[in-house]
Amino acid sequence: MARVTRRWRVRRLGADGSVSERADVLAGEEPLEIRLGGRPFTVTMRTPGDDFDLVAGFLLSEGVVHEHGQIARMDYRSGIAATGERDYNVVDVRLAEGVPLPDTSMERHVYTSSSCGVCGTASIEAVRKASRHTPAGDDATVALGDLLAMPDRLREGQELFGRTGGVHAAALFLPARPHGIPSGRPAGAPDLVCLREDVGRHNAVDKVVGWALREGLLPARGGVLQVSGRASFELVQKAAMAGIPVLSAVSAPSALAVELGEEEGVTVIGFNRGDRLNVYSRGDRVLAP
C-alpha cells in the first residue's frame, strides 16, 4: 500500500554539542505509473494520495483530455497477478468512446521526477500545449486584499506540510457564491474550493486542476491558483490549460513563465508574501485600493 508519510529514526545534533534521537515524519514519495487503455504512458514520482486527481490533471496538462466526460474510468491495476493484490502505484485510465489515444510521440520515455513536470517529454515541440480553455478573454478581477490573504489561507490548510515540512501546496480559489461564503471571511472573498499537497509542485497543481476537471468546473473562470513555491513555465501552462486566469506564487516567476503569461492571458503574480506582491502580466485583473 502506498503511504503518504513514513516515520524514520533520526539523530539530531546541535551546535551546542547536544545529541538526541527522535522519530521524524517524512513525506512519502513513490512512483506512479499511468496507463492509457492498459498501455504504459508515463511514470511520475509523487506523494501518494489524491492519485485520480493527479492523473486527471496530468492528462489535462498534456492535452490528452479537456473535459471530465472524456475520462470514462480510472482504477488501480494489480501488478502482482499471482496474489491478486492491488498495486496502488499503477493507475489505468479508460478514455470515453470517441476520445483518441494520444500519439506515441507524447509518451514520456523516462520518468517524470517530483521536481520536474516536463522531464521526459519526447520533443521540444511537445513541451508547449494548446489550451482549449484559454483564459485570455476572462475579464474577471480580484481585489488586492483578497490576493494578499491567499498565502496565509493556503498555509492554514497545509496539514501534510505541518507534519513533515517537506511538501509543496496549491489551492484553487473561485469567486464566492452568496450561499457559500465561509464563516469568518469578508463577503465577496473568493472561496478556497480545493487544496492539495505533494513533494512535487507540479503534482500539487495537477491534483488541483484534476479535481476541478473531475468536478466539471473547467474552465475555472475568475479563479486564482495559489502556489507555495515559485511560478515556473510549467505551472503557468497548467493554469492556462485549466482556464485559470490568475496564478499567484509566494516566490519568484521565471522569465519564460512571465512571457507565457503574456501570450496566454494569465495574470502572473510573484512574491506574494501577505503584505505586498509583484504583478508581471495582465495586471488589469488586480484591483488595488
C-alpha atoms as a PDB file:
ATOM      1  CA  MET A   1       0.000   0.000   0.000  1.00  0.00           C
ATOM      2  CA  ALA A   2       1.396   3.394  -0.986  1.00  0.00           C
ATOM      3  CA  ARG A   3       1.966   5.608   2.051  1.00  0.00           C
ATOM      4  CA  VAL A   4       1.521   9.380   2.377  1.00  0.00           C
ATOM      5  CA  THR A   5       4.081   9.561   5.216  1.00  0.00           C
ATOM      6  CA  ARG A   6       6.756   7.402   6.793  1.00  0.00           C
ATOM      7  CA  ARG A   7       8.314   7.522  10.237  1.00  0.00           C
ATOM      8  CA  TRP A   8      12.091   7.456  10.442  1.00  0.00           C
ATOM      9  CA  ARG A   9      14.509   7.478  13.350  1.00  0.00           C
ATOM     10  CA  VAL A  10      16.857  10.471  13.178  1.00  0.00           C
ATOM     11  CA  ARG A  11      19.817  11.726  15.181  1.00  0.00           C
ATOM     12  CA  ARG A  12      19.635  15.442  15.957  1.00  0.00           C
ATOM     13  CA  LEU A  13      22.912  17.284  16.504  1.00  0.00           C
ATOM     14  CA  GLY A  14      23.085  20.800  17.926  1.00  0.00           C
ATOM     15  CA  ALA A  15      25.760  23.477  17.618  1.00  0.00           C
ATOM     16  CA  ASP A  16      25.969  23.411  21.429  1.00  0.00           C
ATOM     17  CA  GLY A  17      27.089  19.789  21.314  1.00  0.00           C
ATOM     18  CA  SER A  18      23.701  18.328  22.180  1.00  0.00           C
ATOM     19  CA  VAL A  19      22.771  14.951  20.715  1.00  0.00           C
ATOM     20  CA  SER A  20      19.315  13.401  20.725  1.00  0.00           C
ATOM     21  CA  GLU A  21      17.356  10.748  18.883  1.00  0.00           C
ATOM     22  CA  ARG A  22      13.744  11.025  17.854  1.00  0.00           C
ATOM     23  CA  ALA A  23      11.223   9.753  15.322  1.00  0.00           C
ATOM     24  CA  ASP A  24      10.654  12.087  12.392  1.00  0.00           C
ATOM     25  CA  VAL A  25       7.762  12.100   9.918  1.00  0.00           C
ATOM     26  CA  LEU A  26       8.789  12.145   6.266  1.00  0.00           C
ATOM     27  CA  ALA A  27       6.613  12.906   3.250  1.00  0.00           C
ATOM     28  CA  GLY A  28       6.060   9.879   1.086  1.00  0.00           C
ATOM     29  CA  GLU A  29       7.488   9.770  -2.430  1.00  0.00           C
ATOM     30  CA  GLU A  30       6.710   6.817  -4.662  1.00  0.00           C
ATOM     31  CA  PRO A  31       6.449   6.185  -8.401  1.00  0.00           C
ATOM     32  CA  LEU A  32       3.048   6.251 -10.072  1.00  0.00           C
ATOM     33  CA  GLU A  33       2.677   4.555 -13.435  1.00  0.00           C
ATOM     34  CA  ILE A  34      -0.097   5.987 -15.604  1.00  0.00           C
ATOM     35  CA  ARG A  35      -1.532   3.657 -18.232  1.00  0.00           C
ATOM     36  CA  LEU A  36      -3.941   4.563 -21.011  1.00  0.00           C
ATOM     37  CA  GLY A  37      -6.120   1.664 -22.082  1.00  0.00           C
ATOM     38  CA  GLY A  38      -3.652  -0.723 -20.497  1.00  0.00           C
ATOM     39  CA  ARG A  39      -0.676   0.798 -22.317  1.00  0.00           C
ATOM     40  CA  PRO A  40       2.100   2.462 -20.278  1.00  0.00           C
ATOM     41  CA  PHE A  41       2.075   6.232 -20.788  1.00  0.00           C
ATOM     42  CA  THR A  42       4.406   7.639 -18.149  1.00  0.00           C
ATOM     43  CA  VAL A  43       5.805   7.187 -14.663  1.00  0.00           C
ATOM     44  CA  THR A  44       5.868  10.126 -12.274  1.00  0.00           C
ATOM     45  CA  MET A  45       7.209  10.478  -8.748  1.00  0.00           C
ATOM     46  CA  ARG A  46       4.592  11.772  -6.331  1.00  0.00           C
ATOM     47  CA  THR A  47       3.297  11.763  -2.767  1.00  0.00           C
ATOM     48  CA  PRO A  48       0.576   9.089  -2.655  1.00  0.00           C
ATOM     49  CA  GLY A  49      -2.930  10.407  -2.177  1.00  0.00           C
ATOM     50  CA  ASP A  50      -5.476  12.034  -4.490  1.00  0.00           C
ATOM     51  CA  ASP A  51      -3.975   9.916  -7.279  1.00  0.00           C
ATOM     52  CA  PHE A  52      -7.022  10.101  -9.536  1.00  0.00           C
ATOM     53  CA  ASP A  53      -6.962  13.907  -9.303  1.00  0.00           C
ATOM     54  CA  LEU A  54      -3.258  13.823 -10.153  1.00  0.00           C
ATOM     55  CA  VAL A  55      -3.821  11.602 -13.182  1.00  0.00           C
ATOM     56  CA  ALA A  56      -6.741  13.687 -14.461  1.00  0.00           C
ATOM     57  CA  GLY A  57      -4.718  16.893 -14.056  1.00  0.00           C
ATOM     58  CA  PHE A  58      -1.708  15.382 -15.768  1.00  0.00           C
ATOM     59  CA  LEU A  59      -3.804  14.256 -18.749  1.00  0.00           C
ATOM     60  CA  LEU A  60      -5.342  17.731 -18.982  1.00  0.00           C
ATOM     61  CA  SER A  61      -1.898  19.343 -18.839  1.00  0.00           C
ATOM     62  CA  GLU A  62      -0.697  17.028 -21.593  1.00  0.00           C
ATOM     63  CA  GLY A  63      -3.682  17.876 -23.790  1.00  0.00           C
ATOM     64  CA  VAL A  64      -4.957  14.293 -23.773  1.00  0.00           C
ATOM     65  CA  VAL A  65      -8.340  15.344 -22.331  1.00  0.00           C
ATOM     66  CA  HIS A  66     -10.123  18.693 -21.990  1.00  0.00           C
ATOM     67  CA  GLU A  67     -13.321  17.911 -20.043  1.00  0.00           C
ATOM     68  CA  HIS A  68     -14.445  15.482 -17.375  1.00  0.00           C
ATOM     69  CA  GLY A  69     -16.649  13.405 -19.668  1.00  0.00           C
ATOM     70  CA  GLN A  70     -13.634  12.326 -21.718  1.00  0.00           C
ATOM     71  CA  ILE A  71     -12.420  10.074 -18.895  1.00  0.00           C
ATOM     72  CA  ALA A  72     -14.635   7.002 -18.694  1.00  0.00           C
ATOM     73  CA  ARG A  73     -12.896   5.237 -15.828  1.00  0.00           C
ATOM     74  CA  MET A  74      -9.817   5.247 -13.645  1.00  0.00           C
ATOM     75  CA  ASP A  75      -8.769   2.408 -11.365  1.00  0.00           C
ATOM     76  CA  TYR A  76      -5.773   0.800  -9.713  1.00  0.00           C
ATOM     77  CA  ARG A  77      -4.444  -2.172 -11.607  1.00  0.00           C
ATOM     78  CA  SER A  78      -2.638  -5.004  -9.897  1.00  0.00           C
ATOM     79  CA  GLY A  79       0.980  -5.567 -10.829  1.00  0.00           C
ATOM     80  CA  ILE A  80       1.039  -8.735  -8.708  1.00  0.00           C
ATOM     81  CA  ALA A  81      -1.242 -11.045 -10.655  1.00  0.00           C
ATOM     82  CA  ALA A  82      -0.192 -14.148  -8.712  1.00  0.00           C
ATOM     83  CA  THR A  83      -1.511 -12.794  -5.405  1.00  0.00           C
ATOM     84  CA  GLY A  84      -4.310 -10.652  -6.778  1.00  0.00           C
ATOM     85  CA  GLU A  85      -3.202  -7.713  -4.627  1.00  0.00           C
ATOM     86  CA  ARG A  86      -3.804  -4.245  -5.978  1.00  0.00           C
ATOM     87  CA  ASP A  87      -0.825  -2.114  -6.885  1.00  0.00           C
ATOM     88  CA  TYR A  88      -1.643   1.390  -5.684  1.00  0.00           C
ATOM     89  CA  ASN A  89       1.254   2.755  -7.701  1.00  0.00           C
ATOM     90  CA  VAL A  90      -0.398   1.941 -11.046  1.00  0.00           C
ATOM     91  CA  VAL A  91      -3.474   3.770 -12.364  1.00  0.00           C
ATOM     92  CA  ASP A  92      -5.136   2.628 -15.569  1.00  0.00           C
ATOM     93  CA  VAL A  93      -7.285   5.128 -17.462  1.00  0.00           C
ATOM     94  CA  ARG A  94     -10.007   4.292 -19.951  1.00  0.00           C
ATOM     95  CA  LEU A  95     -10.933   7.198 -22.169  1.00  0.00           C
ATOM     96  CA  ALA A  96     -14.517   7.703 -23.263  1.00  0.00           C
ATOM     97  CA  GLU A  97     -15.680   6.322 -26.569  1.00  0.00           C
ATOM     98  CA  GLY A  98     -14.527   8.512 -29.422  1.00  0.00           C
ATOM     99  CA  VAL A  99     -11.648  10.091 -27.477  1.00  0.00           C
ATOM    100  CA  PRO A 100      -8.465   9.147 -29.326  1.00  0.00           C
ATOM    101  CA  LEU A 101      -5.434   7.795 -27.552  1.00  0.00           C
ATOM    102  CA  PRO A 102      -2.502  10.217 -27.789  1.00  0.00           C
ATOM    103  CA  ASP A 103       0.123   9.772 -30.433  1.00  0.00           C
ATOM    104  CA  THR A 104       3.007   7.625 -29.240  1.00  0.00           C
ATOM    105  CA  SER A 105       5.286  10.666 -29.583  1.00  0.00           C
ATOM    106  CA  MET A 106       3.549  12.129 -26.495  1.00  0.00           C
ATOM    107  CA  GLU A 107       4.629   9.250 -24.285  1.00  0.00           C
ATOM    108  CA  ARG A 108       7.168  10.096 -21.618  1.00  0.00           C
ATOM    109  CA  HIS A 109      10.156   7.911 -22.376  1.00  0.00           C
ATOM    110  CA  VAL A 110      11.732   8.474 -18.968  1.00  0.00           C
ATOM    111  CA  TYR A 111      10.016   9.048 -15.661  1.00  0.00           C
ATOM    112  CA  THR A 112       8.869  12.477 -14.551  1.00  0.00           C
ATOM    113  CA  SER A 113      10.637  13.435 -11.350  1.00  0.00           C
ATOM    114  CA  SER A 114       8.923  15.138  -8.435  1.00  0.00           C
ATOM    115  CA  SER A 115      10.902  18.301  -9.228  1.00  0.00           C
ATOM    116  CA  CYS A 116      10.278  18.456 -12.985  1.00  0.00           C
ATOM    117  CA  GLY A 117       6.932  18.265 -14.711  1.00  0.00           C
ATOM    118  CA  VAL A 118       8.210  18.325 -18.289  1.00  0.00           C
ATOM    119  CA  CYS A 119      11.156  15.928 -17.903  1.00  0.00           C
ATOM    120  CA  GLY A 120      10.910  13.018 -20.288  1.00  0.00           C
ATOM    121  CA  THR A 121       8.880  14.884 -22.894  1.00  0.00           C
ATOM    122  CA  ALA A 122       9.735  13.372 -26.252  1.00  0.00           C
ATOM    123  CA  SER A 123      10.461  16.645 -28.101  1.00  0.00           C
ATOM    124  CA  ILE A 124      10.859  20.375 -27.557  1.00  0.00           C
ATOM    125  CA  GLU A 125       7.710  20.983 -29.594  1.00  0.00           C
ATOM    126  CA  ALA A 126       5.736  18.748 -27.231  1.00  0.00           C
ATOM    127  CA  VAL A 127       6.512  20.995 -24.250  1.00  0.00           C
ATOM    128  CA  ARG A 128       4.070  23.681 -25.451  1.00  0.00           C
ATOM    129  CA  LYS A 129       0.414  22.704 -25.298  1.00  0.00           C
ATOM    130  CA  ALA A 130      -2.594  24.366 -26.901  1.00  0.00           C
ATOM    131  CA  SER A 131      -5.306  25.211 -24.380  1.00  0.00           C
ATOM    132  CA  ARG A 132      -8.986  24.600 -25.111  1.00  0.00           C
ATOM    133  CA  HIS A 133      -9.773  26.838 -22.130  1.00  0.00           C
ATOM    134  CA  THR A 134      -7.525  29.829 -22.785  1.00  0.00           C
ATOM    135  CA  PRO A 135      -8.099  32.490 -20.095  1.00  0.00           C
ATOM    136  CA  ALA A 136      -7.154  35.414 -22.357  1.00  0.00           C
ATOM    137  CA  GLY A 137     -10.774  36.561 -22.675  1.00  0.00           C
ATOM    138  CA  ASP A 138     -11.597  36.176 -18.972  1.00  0.00           C
ATOM    139  CA  ASP A 139     -12.305  39.704 -17.729  1.00  0.00           C
ATOM    140  CA  ALA A 140     -12.690  38.687 -14.074  1.00  0.00           C
ATOM    141  CA  THR A 141     -10.975  40.823 -11.443  1.00  0.00           C
ATOM    142  CA  VAL A 142      -9.740  40.105  -7.925  1.00  0.00           C
ATOM    143  CA  ALA A 143      -9.165  42.548  -5.071  1.00  0.00           C
ATOM    144  CA  LEU A 144      -5.598  43.114  -3.918  1.00  0.00           C
ATOM    145  CA  GLY A 145      -6.582  42.379  -0.314  1.00  0.00           C
ATOM    146  CA  ASP A 146      -8.031  39.011  -1.294  1.00  0.00           C
ATOM    147  CA  LEU A 147      -4.847  38.098  -3.171  1.00  0.00           C
ATOM    148  CA  LEU A 148      -2.635  39.099  -0.243  1.00  0.00           C
ATOM    149  CA  ALA A 149      -4.678  36.885   2.087  1.00  0.00           C
ATOM    150  CA  MET A 150      -4.313  33.759  -0.067  1.00  0.00           C
ATOM    151  CA  PRO A 151      -0.825  32.591   1.037  1.00  0.00           C
ATOM    152  CA  ASP A 152      -1.981  32.507   4.669  1.00  0.00           C
ATOM    153  CA  ARG A 153      -5.198  30.742   3.717  1.00  0.00           C
ATOM    154  CA  LEU A 154      -3.107  28.201   1.804  1.00  0.00           C
ATOM    155  CA  ARG A 155      -0.734  27.685   4.737  1.00  0.00           C
ATOM    156  CA  GLU A 156      -3.646  27.188   7.144  1.00  0.00           C
ATOM    157  CA  GLY A 157      -4.718  24.150   5.144  1.00  0.00           C
ATOM    158  CA  GLN A 158      -1.291  22.536   4.691  1.00  0.00           C
ATOM    159  CA  GLU A 159      -1.724  19.648   7.082  1.00  0.00           C
ATOM    160  CA  LEU A 160       0.936  17.446   5.469  1.00  0.00           C
ATOM    161  CA  PHE A 161       3.464  20.286   5.447  1.00  0.00           C
ATOM    162  CA  GLY A 162       2.752  20.855   9.116  1.00  0.00           C
ATOM    163  CA  ARG A 163       3.678  17.234   9.832  1.00  0.00           C
ATOM    164  CA  THR A 164       6.694  16.906   7.524  1.00  0.00           C
ATOM    165  CA  GLY A 165       7.879  20.337   6.395  1.00  0.00           C
ATOM    166  CA  GLY A 166       8.684  18.713   3.046  1.00  0.00           C
ATOM    167  CA  VAL A 167       5.862  19.256   0.545  1.00  0.00           C
ATOM    168  CA  HIS A 168       4.556  21.903  -1.829  1.00  0.00           C
ATOM    169  CA  ALA A 169       0.940  23.014  -1.955  1.00  0.00           C
ATOM    170  CA  ALA A 170      -1.508  24.509  -4.432  1.00  0.00           C
ATOM    171  CA  ALA A 171      -5.020  25.819  -3.929  1.00  0.00           C
ATOM    172  CA  LEU A 172      -7.806  26.917  -6.230  1.00  0.00           C
ATOM    173  CA  PHE A 173      -9.876  29.943  -5.241  1.00  0.00           C
ATOM    174  CA  LEU A 174     -13.122  30.654  -7.084  1.00  0.00           C
ATOM    175  CA  PRO A 175     -15.442  33.662  -6.824  1.00  0.00           C
ATOM    176  CA  ALA A 176     -17.632  33.253  -3.754  1.00  0.00           C
ATOM    177  CA  ARG A 177     -21.251  32.297  -4.190  1.00  0.00           C
ATOM    178  CA  PRO A 178     -23.733  34.162  -1.943  1.00  0.00           C
ATOM    179  CA  HIS A 179     -24.655  30.970  -0.089  1.00  0.00           C
ATOM    180  CA  GLY A 180     -21.117  29.649   0.130  1.00  0.00           C
ATOM    181  CA  ILE A 181     -19.109  32.351   1.888  1.00  0.00           C
ATOM    182  CA  PRO A 182     -17.003  30.653   4.581  1.00  0.00           C
ATOM    183  CA  SER A 183     -17.535  31.912   8.112  1.00  0.00           C
ATOM    184  CA  GLY A 184     -15.009  34.487   9.179  1.00  0.00           C
ATOM    185  CA  ARG A 185     -14.352  35.612   5.614  1.00  0.00           C
ATOM    186  CA  PRO A 186     -15.483  39.002   4.361  1.00  0.00           C
ATOM    187  CA  ALA A 187     -18.415  38.954   1.961  1.00  0.00           C
ATOM    188  CA  GLY A 188     -17.232  38.516  -1.590  1.00  0.00           C
ATOM    189  CA  ALA A 189     -13.869  36.973  -0.680  1.00  0.00           C
ATOM    190  CA  PRO A 190     -13.049  34.071  -3.032  1.00  0.00           C
ATOM    191  CA  ASP A 191     -13.778  30.572  -1.770  1.00  0.00           C
ATOM    192  CA  LEU A 192     -10.913  28.122  -1.322  1.00  0.00           C
ATOM    193  CA  VAL A 193     -12.504  25.157  -3.084  1.00  0.00           C
ATOM    194  CA  CYS A 194      -9.573  22.742  -3.338  1.00  0.00           C
ATOM    195  CA  LEU A 195      -6.151  22.374  -1.712  1.00  0.00           C
ATOM    196  CA  ARG A 196      -3.648  19.653  -2.485  1.00  0.00           C
ATOM    197  CA  GLU A 197      -0.095  18.850  -1.311  1.00  0.00           C
ATOM    198  CA  ASP A 198       2.741  16.874  -2.879  1.00  0.00           C
ATOM    199  CA  VAL A 199       6.530  16.625  -2.904  1.00  0.00           C
ATOM    200  CA  GLY A 200       6.361  17.970  -6.469  1.00  0.00           C
ATOM    201  CA  ARG A 201       4.984  21.456  -7.013  1.00  0.00           C
ATOM    202  CA  HIS A 202       3.708  20.473 -10.471  1.00  0.00           C
ATOM    203  CA  ASN A 203       1.992  17.429  -8.934  1.00  0.00           C
ATOM    204  CA  ALA A 204       0.219  19.616  -6.375  1.00  0.00           C
ATOM    205  CA  VAL A 205      -1.103  21.763  -9.228  1.00  0.00           C
ATOM    206  CA  ASP A 206      -2.103  18.714 -11.291  1.00  0.00           C
ATOM    207  CA  LYS A 207      -4.049  17.401  -8.289  1.00  0.00           C
ATOM    208  CA  VAL A 208      -5.919  20.699  -8.005  1.00  0.00           C
ATOM    209  CA  VAL A 209      -6.770  21.100 -11.698  1.00  0.00           C
ATOM    210  CA  GLY A 210      -7.549  17.379 -11.928  1.00  0.00           C
ATOM    211  CA  TRP A 211     -10.055  17.773  -9.104  1.00  0.00           C
ATOM    212  CA  ALA A 212     -11.623  20.734 -10.926  1.00  0.00           C
ATOM    213  CA  LEU A 213     -11.765  18.703 -14.150  1.00  0.00           C
ATOM    214  CA  ARG A 214     -13.481  15.779 -12.411  1.00  0.00           C
ATOM    215  CA  GLU A 215     -15.944  18.174 -10.756  1.00  0.00           C
ATOM    216  CA  GLY A 216     -16.841  19.719 -14.115  1.00  0.00           C
ATOM    217  CA  LEU A 217     -15.566  23.165 -13.069  1.00  0.00           C
ATOM    218  CA  LEU A 218     -13.325  23.863 -16.054  1.00  0.00           C
ATOM    219  CA  PRO A 219     -12.696  26.370 -17.411  1.00  0.00           C
ATOM    220  CA  ALA A 220     -12.207  27.913 -13.970  1.00  0.00           C
ATOM    221  CA  ARG A 221     -13.408  31.404 -14.882  1.00  0.00           C
ATOM    222  CA  GLY A 222     -12.440  34.055 -12.340  1.00  0.00           C
ATOM    223  CA  GLY A 223     -10.235  31.578 -10.487  1.00  0.00           C
ATOM    224  CA  VAL A 224      -6.909  32.096  -8.748  1.00  0.00           C
ATOM    225  CA  LEU A 225      -4.321  29.332  -8.455  1.00  0.00           C
ATOM    226  CA  GLN A 226      -2.169  30.000  -5.369  1.00  0.00           C
ATOM    227  CA  VAL A 227       1.067  28.009  -5.081  1.00  0.00           C
ATOM    228  CA  SER A 228       3.548  27.706  -2.251  1.00  0.00           C
ATOM    229  CA  GLY A 229       6.712  27.995  -4.334  1.00  0.00           C
ATOM    230  CA  ARG A 230       7.851  29.776  -7.447  1.00  0.00           C
ATOM    231  CA  ALA A 231       5.953  30.383 -10.675  1.00  0.00           C
ATOM    232  CA  SER A 232       7.568  28.283 -13.384  1.00  0.00           C
ATOM    233  CA  PHE A 233       6.745  27.914 -17.072  1.00  0.00           C
ATOM    234  CA  GLU A 234       5.010  24.600 -16.475  1.00  0.00           C
ATOM    235  CA  LEU A 235       2.754  25.996 -13.754  1.00  0.00           C
ATOM    236  CA  VAL A 236       1.640  28.905 -15.931  1.00  0.00           C
ATOM    237  CA  GLN A 237       0.912  26.437 -18.712  1.00  0.00           C
ATOM    238  CA  LYS A 238      -1.127  24.221 -16.388  1.00  0.00           C
ATOM    239  CA  ALA A 239      -3.154  27.270 -15.307  1.00  0.00           C
ATOM    240  CA  ALA A 240      -3.775  28.159 -18.955  1.00  0.00           C
ATOM    241  CA  MET A 241      -4.826  24.601 -19.802  1.00  0.00           C
ATOM    242  CA  ALA A 242      -7.396  24.749 -16.988  1.00  0.00           C
ATOM    243  CA  GLY A 243      -8.665  28.204 -17.937  1.00  0.00           C
ATOM    244  CA  ILE A 244      -7.473  29.724 -14.649  1.00  0.00           C
ATOM    245  CA  PRO A 245      -6.806  33.435 -15.259  1.00  0.00           C
ATOM    246  CA  VAL A 246      -4.575  34.193 -12.251  1.00  0.00           C
ATOM    247  CA  LEU A 247      -1.502  32.355 -10.925  1.00  0.00           C
ATOM    248  CA  SER A 248      -0.124  33.655  -7.626  1.00  0.00           C
ATOM    249  CA  ALA A 249       3.152  32.409  -6.138  1.00  0.00           C
ATOM    250  CA  VAL A 250       4.938  33.217  -2.900  1.00  0.00           C
ATOM    251  CA  SER A 251       8.288  33.214  -4.686  1.00  0.00           C
ATOM    252  CA  ALA A 252       9.680  34.468  -7.997  1.00  0.00           C
ATOM    253  CA  PRO A 253       8.487  33.685 -11.521  1.00  0.00           C
ATOM    254  CA  SER A 254      10.866  32.742 -14.298  1.00  0.00           C
ATOM    255  CA  ALA A 255      11.252  34.919 -17.390  1.00  0.00           C
ATOM    256  CA  LEU A 256       9.698  32.207 -19.557  1.00  0.00           C
ATOM    257  CA  ALA A 257       6.752  31.916 -17.165  1.00  0.00           C
ATOM    258  CA  VAL A 258       6.056  35.646 -17.493  1.00  0.00           C
ATOM    259  CA  GLU A 259       6.377  35.516 -21.285  1.00  0.00           C
ATOM    260  CA  LEU A 260       3.923  32.613 -21.417  1.00  0.00           C
ATOM    261  CA  GLY A 261       1.577  34.507 -19.130  1.00  0.00           C
ATOM    262  CA  GLU A 262       1.552  37.405 -21.578  1.00  0.00           C
ATOM    263  CA  GLU A 263       0.927  35.072 -24.521  1.00  0.00           C
ATOM    264  CA  GLU A 264      -1.833  33.023 -22.867  1.00  0.00           C
ATOM    265  CA  GLY A 265      -3.512  35.842 -20.944  1.00  0.00           C
ATOM    266  CA  VAL A 266      -2.603  34.565 -17.473  1.00  0.00           C
ATOM    267  CA  THR A 267      -2.019  37.104 -14.719  1.00  0.00           C
ATOM    268  CA  VAL A 268       1.308  36.041 -13.193  1.00  0.00           C
ATOM    269  CA  ILE A 269       1.924  37.205  -9.628  1.00  0.00           C
ATOM    270  CA  GLY A 270       5.120  36.625  -7.664  1.00  0.00           C
ATOM    271  CA  PHE A 271       6.493  37.345  -4.200  1.00  0.00           C
ATOM    272  CA  ASN A 272       3.013  37.292  -2.676  1.00  0.00           C
ATOM    273  CA  ARG A 273       4.093  37.471   0.954  1.00  0.00           C
ATOM    274  CA  GLY A 274       0.933  38.761   2.620  1.00  0.00           C
ATOM    275  CA  ASP A 275       1.729  42.462   2.649  1.00  0.00           C
ATOM    276  CA  ARG A 276       2.905  43.085  -0.914  1.00  0.00           C
ATOM    277  CA  LEU A 277       3.173  41.336  -4.259  1.00  0.00           C
ATOM    278  CA  ASN A 278       4.512  41.839  -7.782  1.00  0.00           C
ATOM    279  CA  VAL A 279       2.298  41.634 -10.868  1.00  0.00           C
ATOM    280  CA  TYR A 280       4.190  40.589 -14.008  1.00  0.00           C
ATOM    281  CA  SER A 281       1.455  40.160 -16.626  1.00  0.00           C
ATOM    282  CA  ARG A 282      -2.214  41.078 -17.172  1.00  0.00           C
ATOM    283  CA  GLY A 283      -2.227  43.491 -14.230  1.00  0.00           C
ATOM    284  CA  ASP A 284      -5.667  44.759 -15.247  1.00  0.00           C
ATOM    285  CA  ARG A 285      -7.229  41.910 -13.276  1.00  0.00           C
ATOM    286  CA  VAL A 286      -5.845  43.142  -9.925  1.00  0.00           C
ATOM    287  CA  LEU A 287      -7.987  45.776  -8.230  1.00  0.00           C
ATOM    288  CA  ALA A 288      -5.799  47.920  -5.967  1.00  0.00           C
ATOM    289  CA  PRO A 289      -7.400  50.255  -3.372  1.00  0.00           C
END
